[in-house]
PDB file of all heavy atoms in Angstrom:
ATOM      1  N   VAL A   1       0.852  -1.181   0.000  1.00  0.00           N
ATOM      2  CA  VAL A   1       0.000   0.000   0.000  1.00  0.00           C
ATOM      3  C   VAL A   1       0.894   1.240   0.000  1.00  0.00           C
ATOM      4  O   VAL A   1       2.113   1.150   0.168  1.00  0.00           O
ATOM      5  CB  VAL A   1      -0.931   0.020   1.230  1.00  0.00           C
ATOM      6  CG1 VAL A   1      -1.867  -1.187   1.220  1.00  0.00           C
ATOM      7  CG2 VAL A   1      -0.117   0.057   2.524  1.00  0.00           C
ATOM      8  N   THR A   2       0.270   2.394  -0.174  1.00  0.00           N
ATOM      9  CA  THR A   2       1.012   3.653  -0.227  1.00  0.00           C
ATOM     10  C   THR A   2       0.778   4.451   1.054  1.00  0.00           C
ATOM     11  O   THR A   2      -0.352   4.567   1.514  1.00  0.00           O
ATOM     12  CB  THR A   2       0.575   4.497  -1.429  1.00  0.00           C
ATOM     13  OG1 THR A   2       0.815   3.754  -2.624  1.00  0.00           O
ATOM     14  CG2 THR A   2       1.336   5.812  -1.486  1.00  0.00           C
ATOM     15  N   VAL A   3       1.859   4.977   1.621  1.00  0.00           N
ATOM     16  CA  VAL A   3       1.757   5.811   2.824  1.00  0.00           C
ATOM     17  C   VAL A   3       2.462   7.142   2.567  1.00  0.00           C
ATOM     18  O   VAL A   3       3.311   7.259   1.683  1.00  0.00           O
ATOM     19  CB  VAL A   3       2.376   5.122   4.053  1.00  0.00           C
ATOM     20  CG1 VAL A   3       1.625   3.839   4.390  1.00  0.00           C
ATOM     21  CG2 VAL A   3       3.862   4.830   3.836  1.00  0.00           C
ATOM     22  N   PHE A   4       2.099   8.132   3.362  1.00  0.00           N
ATOM     23  CA  PHE A   4       2.766   9.426   3.237  1.00  0.00           C
ATOM     24  C   PHE A   4       2.648  10.214   4.530  1.00  0.00           C
ATOM     25  O   PHE A   4       1.784   9.953   5.373  1.00  0.00           O
ATOM     26  CB  PHE A   4       2.182  10.248   2.079  1.00  0.00           C
ATOM     27  CG  PHE A   4       0.742  10.658   2.259  1.00  0.00           C
ATOM     28  CD1 PHE A   4       0.388  11.822   2.940  1.00  0.00           C
ATOM     29  CD2 PHE A   4      -0.281   9.867   1.739  1.00  0.00           C
ATOM     30  CE1 PHE A   4      -0.929  12.200   3.093  1.00  0.00           C
ATOM     31  CE2 PHE A   4      -1.610  10.236   1.877  1.00  0.00           C
ATOM     32  CZ  PHE A   4      -1.936  11.403   2.560  1.00  0.00           C
ATOM     33  N   LEU A   5       3.538  11.153   4.699  1.00  0.00           N
ATOM     34  CA  LEU A   5       3.508  12.113   5.801  1.00  0.00           C
ATOM     35  C   LEU A   5       3.923  13.463   5.248  1.00  0.00           C
ATOM     36  O   LEU A   5       5.027  13.600   4.700  1.00  0.00           O
ATOM     37  CB  LEU A   5       4.451  11.701   6.931  1.00  0.00           C
ATOM     38  CG  LEU A   5       4.666  12.750   8.035  1.00  0.00           C
ATOM     39  CD1 LEU A   5       3.375  12.989   8.804  1.00  0.00           C
ATOM     40  CD2 LEU A   5       5.788  12.324   8.981  1.00  0.00           C
ATOM     41  N   ILE A   6       3.037  14.456   5.368  1.00  0.00           N
ATOM     42  CA  ILE A   6       3.317  15.811   4.893  1.00  0.00           C
ATOM     43  C   ILE A   6       3.059  16.771   6.043  1.00  0.00           C
ATOM     44  O   ILE A   6       1.960  16.788   6.615  1.00  0.00           O
ATOM     45  CB  ILE A   6       2.423  16.172   3.687  1.00  0.00           C
ATOM     46  CG1 ILE A   6       2.693  15.219   2.517  1.00  0.00           C
ATOM     47  CG2 ILE A   6       2.659  17.620   3.265  1.00  0.00           C
ATOM     48  CD1 ILE A   6       1.756  15.402   1.352  1.00  0.00           C
ATOM     49  N   GLN A   7       4.047  17.568   6.388  1.00  0.00           N
ATOM     50  CA  GLN A   7       3.931  18.472   7.533  1.00  0.00           C
ATOM     51  C   GLN A   7       3.972  19.919   7.073  1.00  0.00           C
ATOM     52  O   GLN A   7       4.794  20.306   6.242  1.00  0.00           O
ATOM     53  CB  GLN A   7       5.041  18.186   8.547  1.00  0.00           C
ATOM     54  CG  GLN A   7       4.921  16.802   9.171  1.00  0.00           C
ATOM     55  CD  GLN A   7       6.022  16.502  10.161  1.00  0.00           C
ATOM     56  OE1 GLN A   7       7.198  16.785   9.903  1.00  0.00           O
ATOM     57  NE2 GLN A   7       5.673  15.932  11.304  1.00  0.00           N
ATOM     58  N   ARG A   8       3.072  20.709   7.645  1.00  0.00           N
ATOM     59  CA  ARG A   8       2.996  22.135   7.332  1.00  0.00           C
ATOM     60  C   ARG A   8       2.733  22.909   8.628  1.00  0.00           C
ATOM     61  O   ARG A   8       1.993  22.451   9.499  1.00  0.00           O
ATOM     62  CB  ARG A   8       1.863  22.419   6.343  1.00  0.00           C
ATOM     63  CG  ARG A   8       2.001  21.722   4.984  1.00  0.00           C
ATOM     64  CD  ARG A   8       3.080  22.366   4.141  1.00  0.00           C
ATOM     65  NE  ARG A   8       3.136  21.780   2.800  1.00  0.00           N
ATOM     66  CZ  ARG A   8       3.946  20.801   2.437  1.00  0.00           C
ATOM     67  NH1 ARG A   8       4.797  20.288   3.315  1.00  0.00           N
ATOM     68  NH2 ARG A   8       3.942  20.323   1.201  1.00  0.00           N
ATOM     69  N   THR A   9       3.323  24.096   8.733  1.00  0.00           N
ATOM     70  CA  THR A   9       3.097  24.962   9.894  1.00  0.00           C
ATOM     71  C   THR A   9       2.203  26.130   9.492  1.00  0.00           C
ATOM     72  O   THR A   9       1.864  26.305   8.313  1.00  0.00           O
ATOM     73  CB  THR A   9       4.435  25.506  10.424  1.00  0.00           C
ATOM     74  OG1 THR A   9       5.025  26.337   9.417  1.00  0.00           O
ATOM     75  CG2 THR A   9       5.380  24.373  10.795  1.00  0.00           C
ATOM     76  N   LEU A  10       1.850  26.931  10.472  1.00  0.00           N
ATOM     77  CA  LEU A  10       1.031  28.115  10.185  1.00  0.00           C
ATOM     78  C   LEU A  10       1.723  29.017   9.173  1.00  0.00           C
ATOM     79  O   LEU A  10       1.066  29.638   8.327  1.00  0.00           O
ATOM     80  CB  LEU A  10       0.759  28.897  11.470  1.00  0.00           C
ATOM     81  CG  LEU A  10      -0.064  28.191  12.553  1.00  0.00           C
ATOM     82  CD1 LEU A  10      -0.361  29.162  13.699  1.00  0.00           C
ATOM     83  CD2 LEU A  10      -1.357  27.626  11.977  1.00  0.00           C
ATOM     84  N   GLU A  11       3.038  29.083   9.265  1.00  0.00           N
ATOM     85  CA  GLU A  11       3.805  29.922   8.346  1.00  0.00           C
ATOM     86  C   GLU A  11       3.882  29.318   6.938  1.00  0.00           C
ATOM     87  O   GLU A  11       4.336  29.981   5.999  1.00  0.00           O
ATOM     88  CB  GLU A  11       5.226  30.137   8.895  1.00  0.00           C
ATOM     89  CG  GLU A  11       5.278  30.936  10.199  1.00  0.00           C
ATOM     90  CD  GLU A  11       4.846  30.146  11.422  1.00  0.00           C
ATOM     91  OE1 GLU A  11       4.854  28.893  11.357  1.00  0.00           O
ATOM     92  OE2 GLU A  11       4.487  30.771  12.442  1.00  0.00           O
ATOM     93  N   GLN A  12       3.452  28.065   6.804  1.00  0.00           N
ATOM     94  CA  GLN A  12       3.461  27.389   5.498  1.00  0.00           C
ATOM     95  C   GLN A  12       2.031  27.157   5.000  1.00  0.00           C
ATOM     96  O   GLN A  12       1.744  26.158   4.365  1.00  0.00           O
ATOM     97  CB  GLN A  12       4.192  26.049   5.613  1.00  0.00           C
ATOM     98  CG  GLN A  12       5.671  26.191   5.969  1.00  0.00           C
ATOM     99  CD  GLN A  12       6.325  24.852   6.276  1.00  0.00           C
ATOM    100  OE1 GLN A  12       5.772  24.037   7.017  1.00  0.00           O
ATOM    101  NE2 GLN A  12       7.491  24.622   5.703  1.00  0.00           N
ATOM    102  N   ASN A  13       1.171  28.113   5.313  1.00  0.00           N
ATOM    103  CA  ASN A  13      -0.208  28.108   4.812  1.00  0.00           C
ATOM    104  C   ASN A  13      -1.052  26.936   5.305  1.00  0.00           C
ATOM    105  O   ASN A  13      -1.899  26.402   4.582  1.00  0.00           O
ATOM    106  CB  ASN A  13      -0.237  28.148   3.275  1.00  0.00           C
ATOM    107  CG  ASN A  13       0.305  29.450   2.727  1.00  0.00           C
ATOM    108  OD1 ASN A  13       0.061  30.518   3.299  1.00  0.00           O
ATOM    109  ND2 ASN A  13       1.063  29.372   1.652  1.00  0.00           N
ATOM    110  N   ALA A  14      -0.842  26.521   6.552  1.00  0.00           N
ATOM    111  CA  ALA A  14      -1.612  25.407   7.115  1.00  0.00           C
ATOM    112  C   ALA A  14      -3.111  25.691   7.099  1.00  0.00           C
ATOM    113  O   ALA A  14      -3.924  24.799   6.826  1.00  0.00           O
ATOM    114  CB  ALA A  14      -1.149  25.118   8.538  1.00  0.00           C
ATOM    115  N   THR A  15      -3.475  26.934   7.352  1.00  0.00           N
ATOM    116  CA  THR A  15      -4.899  27.281   7.387  1.00  0.00           C
ATOM    117  C   THR A  15      -5.540  27.079   6.020  1.00  0.00           C
ATOM    118  O   THR A  15      -6.668  26.567   5.919  1.00  0.00           O
ATOM    119  CB  THR A  15      -5.081  28.741   7.838  1.00  0.00           C
ATOM    120  OG1 THR A  15      -4.483  28.916   9.131  1.00  0.00           O
ATOM    121  CG2 THR A  15      -6.562  29.097   7.925  1.00  0.00           C
ATOM    122  N   LYS A  16      -4.839  27.456   4.968  1.00  0.00           N
ATOM    123  CA  LYS A  16      -5.377  27.325   3.610  1.00  0.00           C
ATOM    124  C   LYS A  16      -5.506  25.862   3.178  1.00  0.00           C
ATOM    125  O   LYS A  16      -6.231  25.559   2.219  1.00  0.00           O
ATOM    126  CB  LYS A  16      -4.499  28.084   2.626  1.00  0.00           C
ATOM    127  CG  LYS A  16      -4.414  29.585   2.902  1.00  0.00           C
ATOM    128  CD  LYS A  16      -5.806  30.233   2.901  1.00  0.00           C
ATOM    129  CE  LYS A  16      -5.697  31.732   3.163  1.00  0.00           C
ATOM    130  NZ  LYS A  16      -7.044  32.381   3.218  1.00  0.00           N
ATOM    131  N   ILE A  17      -4.799  24.963   3.881  1.00  0.00           N
ATOM    132  CA  ILE A  17      -4.929  23.536   3.586  1.00  0.00           C
ATOM    133  C   ILE A  17      -6.107  22.938   4.358  1.00  0.00           C
ATOM    134  O   ILE A  17      -6.903  22.183   3.803  1.00  0.00           O
ATOM    135  CB  ILE A  17      -3.633  22.776   3.943  1.00  0.00           C
ATOM    136  CG1 ILE A  17      -2.437  23.370   3.199  1.00  0.00           C
ATOM    137  CG2 ILE A  17      -3.780  21.290   3.627  1.00  0.00           C
ATOM    138  CD1 ILE A  17      -1.104  22.785   3.649  1.00  0.00           C
ATOM    139  N   ILE A  18      -6.221  23.293   5.615  1.00  0.00           N
ATOM    140  CA  ILE A  18      -7.228  22.647   6.457  1.00  0.00           C
ATOM    141  C   ILE A  18      -8.647  23.060   6.084  1.00  0.00           C
ATOM    142  O   ILE A  18      -9.601  22.294   6.284  1.00  0.00           O
ATOM    143  CB  ILE A  18      -6.955  22.947   7.963  1.00  0.00           C
ATOM    144  CG1 ILE A  18      -7.628  21.892   8.854  1.00  0.00           C
ATOM    145  CG2 ILE A  18      -7.420  24.326   8.344  1.00  0.00           C
ATOM    146  CD1 ILE A  18      -7.049  20.510   8.731  1.00  0.00           C
ATOM    147  N   LEU A  19      -8.814  24.245   5.519  1.00  0.00           N
ATOM    148  CA  LEU A  19     -10.161  24.689   5.158  1.00  0.00           C
ATOM    149  C   LEU A  19     -10.792  23.778   4.102  1.00  0.00           C
ATOM    150  O   LEU A  19     -11.885  23.238   4.318  1.00  0.00           O
ATOM    151  CB  LEU A  19     -10.130  26.148   4.705  1.00  0.00           C
ATOM    152  CG  LEU A  19      -9.860  27.167   5.826  1.00  0.00           C
ATOM    153  CD1 LEU A  19      -9.696  28.564   5.244  1.00  0.00           C
ATOM    154  CD2 LEU A  19     -10.984  27.154   6.850  1.00  0.00           C
ATOM    155  N   PRO A  20     -10.161  23.533   2.946  1.00  0.00           N
ATOM    156  CA  PRO A  20     -10.764  22.604   1.973  1.00  0.00           C
ATOM    157  C   PRO A  20     -10.680  21.145   2.434  1.00  0.00           C
ATOM    158  O   PRO A  20     -11.523  20.317   2.056  1.00  0.00           O
ATOM    159  CB  PRO A  20      -9.957  22.839   0.702  1.00  0.00           C
ATOM    160  CG  PRO A  20      -8.640  23.357   1.172  1.00  0.00           C
ATOM    161  CD  PRO A  20      -8.949  24.173   2.393  1.00  0.00           C
ATOM    162  N   PHE A  21      -9.668  20.821   3.218  1.00  0.00           N
ATOM    163  CA  PHE A  21      -9.501  19.448   3.705  1.00  0.00           C
ATOM    164  C   PHE A  21     -10.772  18.942   4.387  1.00  0.00           C
ATOM    165  O   PHE A  21     -11.150  17.770   4.240  1.00  0.00           O
ATOM    166  CB  PHE A  21      -8.320  19.399   4.680  1.00  0.00           C
ATOM    167  CG  PHE A  21      -8.185  18.103   5.434  1.00  0.00           C
ATOM    168  CD1 PHE A  21      -7.464  17.049   4.892  1.00  0.00           C
ATOM    169  CD2 PHE A  21      -8.765  17.934   6.684  1.00  0.00           C
ATOM    170  CE1 PHE A  21      -7.335  15.851   5.586  1.00  0.00           C
ATOM    171  CE2 PHE A  21      -8.641  16.739   7.384  1.00  0.00           C
ATOM    172  CZ  PHE A  21      -7.923  15.704   6.829  1.00  0.00           C
ATOM    173  N   GLN A  22     -11.451  19.802   5.122  1.00  0.00           N
ATOM    174  CA  GLN A  22     -12.610  19.393   5.918  1.00  0.00           C
ATOM    175  C   GLN A  22     -13.727  18.775   5.077  1.00  0.00           C
ATOM    176  O   GLN A  22     -14.418  17.859   5.535  1.00  0.00           O
ATOM    177  CB  GLN A  22     -13.174  20.589   6.686  1.00  0.00           C
ATOM    178  CG  GLN A  22     -12.221  21.180   7.708  1.00  0.00           C
ATOM    179  CD  GLN A  22     -12.850  22.382   8.375  1.00  0.00           C
ATOM    180  OE1 GLN A  22     -13.618  22.265   9.335  1.00  0.00           O
ATOM    181  NE2 GLN A  22     -12.554  23.577   7.859  1.00  0.00           N
ATOM    182  N   THR A  23     -13.911  19.258   3.865  1.00  0.00           N
ATOM    183  CA  THR A  23     -14.999  18.754   3.021  1.00  0.00           C
ATOM    184  C   THR A  23     -14.510  17.830   1.911  1.00  0.00           C
ATOM    185  O   THR A  23     -15.264  16.984   1.428  1.00  0.00           O
ATOM    186  CB  THR A  23     -15.775  19.920   2.388  1.00  0.00           C
ATOM    187  OG1 THR A  23     -14.850  20.794   1.722  1.00  0.00           O
ATOM    188  CG2 THR A  23     -16.533  20.693   3.450  1.00  0.00           C
ATOM    189  N   ILE A  24     -13.254  17.966   1.512  1.00  0.00           N
ATOM    190  CA  ILE A  24     -12.728  17.132   0.431  1.00  0.00           C
ATOM    191  C   ILE A  24     -12.348  15.739   0.934  1.00  0.00           C
ATOM    192  O   ILE A  24     -12.646  14.726   0.287  1.00  0.00           O
ATOM    193  CB  ILE A  24     -11.531  17.816  -0.240  1.00  0.00           C
ATOM    194  CG1 ILE A  24     -11.995  19.076  -0.992  1.00  0.00           C
ATOM    195  CG2 ILE A  24     -10.811  16.867  -1.189  1.00  0.00           C
ATOM    196  CD1 ILE A  24     -10.866  19.917  -1.541  1.00  0.00           C
ATOM    197  N   ALA A  25     -11.676  15.654   2.086  1.00  0.00           N
ATOM    198  CA  ALA A  25     -11.202  14.360   2.587  1.00  0.00           C
ATOM    199  C   ALA A  25     -12.327  13.339   2.752  1.00  0.00           C
ATOM    200  O   ALA A  25     -12.144  12.167   2.405  1.00  0.00           O
ATOM    201  CB  ALA A  25     -10.450  14.554   3.903  1.00  0.00           C
ATOM    202  N   PRO A  26     -13.517  13.723   3.261  1.00  0.00           N
ATOM    203  CA  PRO A  26     -14.590  12.725   3.388  1.00  0.00           C
ATOM    204  C   PRO A  26     -15.152  12.246   2.057  1.00  0.00           C
ATOM    205  O   PRO A  26     -15.883  11.250   2.027  1.00  0.00           O
ATOM    206  CB  PRO A  26     -15.669  13.475   4.191  1.00  0.00           C
ATOM    207  CG  PRO A  26     -14.954  14.598   4.861  1.00  0.00           C
ATOM    208  CD  PRO A  26     -13.878  15.000   3.905  1.00  0.00           C
ATOM    209  N   LYS A  27     -14.851  12.949   0.971  1.00  0.00           N
ATOM    210  CA  LYS A  27     -15.396  12.578  -0.334  1.00  0.00           C
ATOM    211  C   LYS A  27     -14.380  11.899  -1.244  1.00  0.00           C
ATOM    212  O   LYS A  27     -14.700  11.567  -2.388  1.00  0.00           O
ATOM    213  CB  LYS A  27     -15.954  13.824  -1.020  1.00  0.00           C
ATOM    214  CG  LYS A  27     -17.146  14.445  -0.293  1.00  0.00           C
ATOM    215  CD  LYS A  27     -17.656  15.678  -1.016  1.00  0.00           C
ATOM    216  CE  LYS A  27     -18.837  16.298  -0.284  1.00  0.00           C
ATOM    217  NZ  LYS A  27     -19.336  17.524  -0.975  1.00  0.00           N
ATOM    218  N   LEU A  28     -13.183  11.693  -0.754  1.00  0.00           N
ATOM    219  CA  LEU A  28     -12.182  10.992  -1.549  1.00  0.00           C
ATOM    220  C   LEU A  28     -12.591   9.531  -1.729  1.00  0.00           C
ATOM    221  O   LEU A  28     -13.452   9.025  -1.007  1.00  0.00           O
ATOM    222  CB  LEU A  28     -10.823  11.080  -0.854  1.00  0.00           C
ATOM    223  CG  LEU A  28     -10.172  12.467  -0.806  1.00  0.00           C
ATOM    224  CD1 LEU A  28      -8.928  12.435   0.065  1.00  0.00           C
ATOM    225  CD2 LEU A  28      -9.836  12.965  -2.210  1.00  0.00           C
ATOM    226  N   PRO A  29     -12.008   8.823  -2.693  1.00  0.00           N
ATOM    227  CA  PRO A  29     -12.330   7.397  -2.849  1.00  0.00           C
ATOM    228  C   PRO A  29     -12.168   6.641  -1.536  1.00  0.00           C
ATOM    229  O   PRO A  29     -11.317   6.987  -0.704  1.00  0.00           O
ATOM    230  CB  PRO A  29     -11.315   6.931  -3.899  1.00  0.00           C
ATOM    231  CG  PRO A  29     -11.042   8.158  -4.709  1.00  0.00           C
ATOM    232  CD  PRO A  29     -11.077   9.296  -3.737  1.00  0.00           C
ATOM    233  N   ASN A  30     -12.966   5.604  -1.364  1.00  0.00           N
ATOM    234  CA  ASN A  30     -12.989   4.861  -0.107  1.00  0.00           C
ATOM    235  C   ASN A  30     -11.642   4.257   0.267  1.00  0.00           C
ATOM    236  O   ASN A  30     -11.391   3.956   1.436  1.00  0.00           O
ATOM    237  CB  ASN A  30     -14.031   3.746  -0.175  1.00  0.00           C
ATOM    238  CG  ASN A  30     -15.442   4.265  -0.338  1.00  0.00           C
ATOM    239  OD1 ASN A  30     -15.663   5.471  -0.396  1.00  0.00           O
ATOM    240  ND2 ASN A  30     -16.403   3.368  -0.408  1.00  0.00           N
ATOM    241  N   GLU A  31     -10.783   4.073  -0.718  1.00  0.00           N
ATOM    242  CA  GLU A  31      -9.478   3.455  -0.468  1.00  0.00           C
ATOM    243  C   GLU A  31      -8.485   4.421   0.179  1.00  0.00           C
ATOM    244  O   GLU A  31      -7.383   4.016   0.563  1.00  0.00           O
ATOM    245  CB  GLU A  31      -8.881   2.933  -1.782  1.00  0.00           C
ATOM    246  CG  GLU A  31      -9.625   1.763  -2.391  1.00  0.00           C
ATOM    247  CD  GLU A  31     -10.920   2.163  -3.080  1.00  0.00           C
ATOM    248  OE1 GLU A  31     -11.109   3.382  -3.333  1.00  0.00           O
ATOM    249  OE2 GLU A  31     -11.736   1.271  -3.378  1.00  0.00           O
ATOM    250  N   VAL A  32      -8.854   5.688   0.316  1.00  0.00           N
ATOM    251  CA  VAL A  32      -7.944   6.700   0.845  1.00  0.00           C
ATOM    252  C   VAL A  32      -8.266   6.995   2.305  1.00  0.00           C
ATOM    253  O   VAL A  32      -9.399   7.343   2.661  1.00  0.00           O
ATOM    254  CB  VAL A  32      -8.033   8.011   0.039  1.00  0.00           C
ATOM    255  CG1 VAL A  32      -7.084   9.063   0.626  1.00  0.00           C
ATOM    256  CG2 VAL A  32      -7.710   7.758  -1.426  1.00  0.00           C
ATOM    257  N   ASP A  33      -7.267   6.848   3.162  1.00  0.00           N
ATOM    258  CA  ASP A  33      -7.351   7.308   4.554  1.00  0.00           C
ATOM    259  C   ASP A  33      -6.359   8.446   4.708  1.00  0.00           C
ATOM    260  O   ASP A  33      -5.166   8.292   4.431  1.00  0.00           O
ATOM    261  CB  ASP A  33      -7.001   6.188   5.531  1.00  0.00           C
ATOM    262  CG  ASP A  33      -6.706   6.725   6.930  1.00  0.00           C
ATOM    263  OD1 ASP A  33      -7.499   7.560   7.408  1.00  0.00           O
ATOM    264  OD2 ASP A  33      -5.690   6.336   7.549  1.00  0.00           O
ATOM    265  N   ILE A  34      -6.845   9.598   5.121  1.00  0.00           N
ATOM    266  CA  ILE A  34      -5.953  10.728   5.374  1.00  0.00           C
ATOM    267  C   ILE A  34      -6.443  11.420   6.640  1.00  0.00           C
ATOM    268  O   ILE A  34      -7.615  11.751   6.770  1.00  0.00           O
ATOM    269  CB  ILE A  34      -5.911  11.702   4.175  1.00  0.00           C
ATOM    270  CG1 ILE A  34      -5.001  12.895   4.487  1.00  0.00           C
ATOM    271  CG2 ILE A  34      -7.288  12.132   3.747  1.00  0.00           C
ATOM    272  CD1 ILE A  34      -4.731  13.767   3.268  1.00  0.00           C
ATOM    273  N   ARG A  35      -5.543  11.551   7.606  1.00  0.00           N
ATOM    274  CA  ARG A  35      -5.851  12.227   8.864  1.00  0.00           C
ATOM    275  C   ARG A  35      -4.888  13.390   9.046  1.00  0.00           C
ATOM    276  O   ARG A  35      -3.848  13.453   8.391  1.00  0.00           O
ATOM    277  CB  ARG A  35      -5.707  11.272  10.055  1.00  0.00           C
ATOM    278  CG  ARG A  35      -6.696  10.117  10.063  1.00  0.00           C
ATOM    279  CD  ARG A  35      -6.364   9.167  11.209  1.00  0.00           C
ATOM    280  NE  ARG A  35      -5.070   8.523  11.008  1.00  0.00           N
ATOM    281  CZ  ARG A  35      -4.339   8.005  12.003  1.00  0.00           C
ATOM    282  NH1 ARG A  35      -4.751   8.107  13.252  1.00  0.00           N
ATOM    283  NH2 ARG A  35      -3.185   7.416  11.752  1.00  0.00           N
ATOM    284  N   VAL A  36      -5.241  14.278   9.957  1.00  0.00           N
ATOM    285  CA  VAL A  36      -4.316  15.367  10.257  1.00  0.00           C
ATOM    286  C   VAL A  36      -4.134  15.463  11.773  1.00  0.00           C
ATOM    287  O   VAL A  36      -5.094  15.520  12.528  1.00  0.00           O
ATOM    288  CB  VAL A  36      -4.794  16.717   9.665  1.00  0.00           C
ATOM    289  CG1 VAL A  36      -6.176  17.098  10.158  1.00  0.00           C
ATOM    290  CG2 VAL A  36      -3.789  17.819   9.989  1.00  0.00           C
ATOM    291  N   ARG A  37      -2.899  15.442  12.176  1.00  0.00           N
ATOM    292  CA  ARG A  37      -2.510  15.579  13.584  1.00  0.00           C
ATOM    293  C   ARG A  37      -2.029  17.005  13.787  1.00  0.00           C
ATOM    294  O   ARG A  37      -1.082  17.448  13.133  1.00  0.00           O
ATOM    295  CB  ARG A  37      -1.416  14.581  13.930  1.00  0.00           C
ATOM    296  CG  ARG A  37      -0.953  14.607  15.381  1.00  0.00           C
ATOM    297  CD  ARG A  37       0.121  13.540  15.571  1.00  0.00           C
ATOM    298  NE  ARG A  37       0.515  13.387  16.962  1.00  0.00           N
ATOM    299  CZ  ARG A  37       1.527  14.031  17.533  1.00  0.00           C
ATOM    300  NH1 ARG A  37       2.230  14.886  16.804  1.00  0.00           N
ATOM    301  NH2 ARG A  37       1.833  13.810  18.790  1.00  0.00           N
ATOM    302  N   ILE A  38      -2.662  17.719  14.686  1.00  0.00           N
ATOM    303  CA  ILE A  38      -2.373  19.136  14.916  1.00  0.00           C
ATOM    304  C   ILE A  38      -1.723  19.281  16.291  1.00  0.00           C
ATOM    305  O   ILE A  38      -2.275  18.818  17.293  1.00  0.00           O
ATOM    306  CB  ILE A  38      -3.672  19.965  14.852  1.00  0.00           C
ATOM    307  CG1 ILE A  38      -4.421  19.672  13.546  1.00  0.00           C
ATOM    308  CG2 ILE A  38      -3.366  21.447  14.978  1.00  0.00           C
ATOM    309  CD1 ILE A  38      -5.848  20.188  13.526  1.00  0.00           C
TER     310      ILE A  38
END
């Protein structure tokens, strides 16, 4: 399987990522698990 880890801080536009993430992540194909640790 494929795994990944991508880290971003507030200074690296974290807010601009988390805003669309909230609605896009639940609609991705069922085979995709993506979580965010803050």
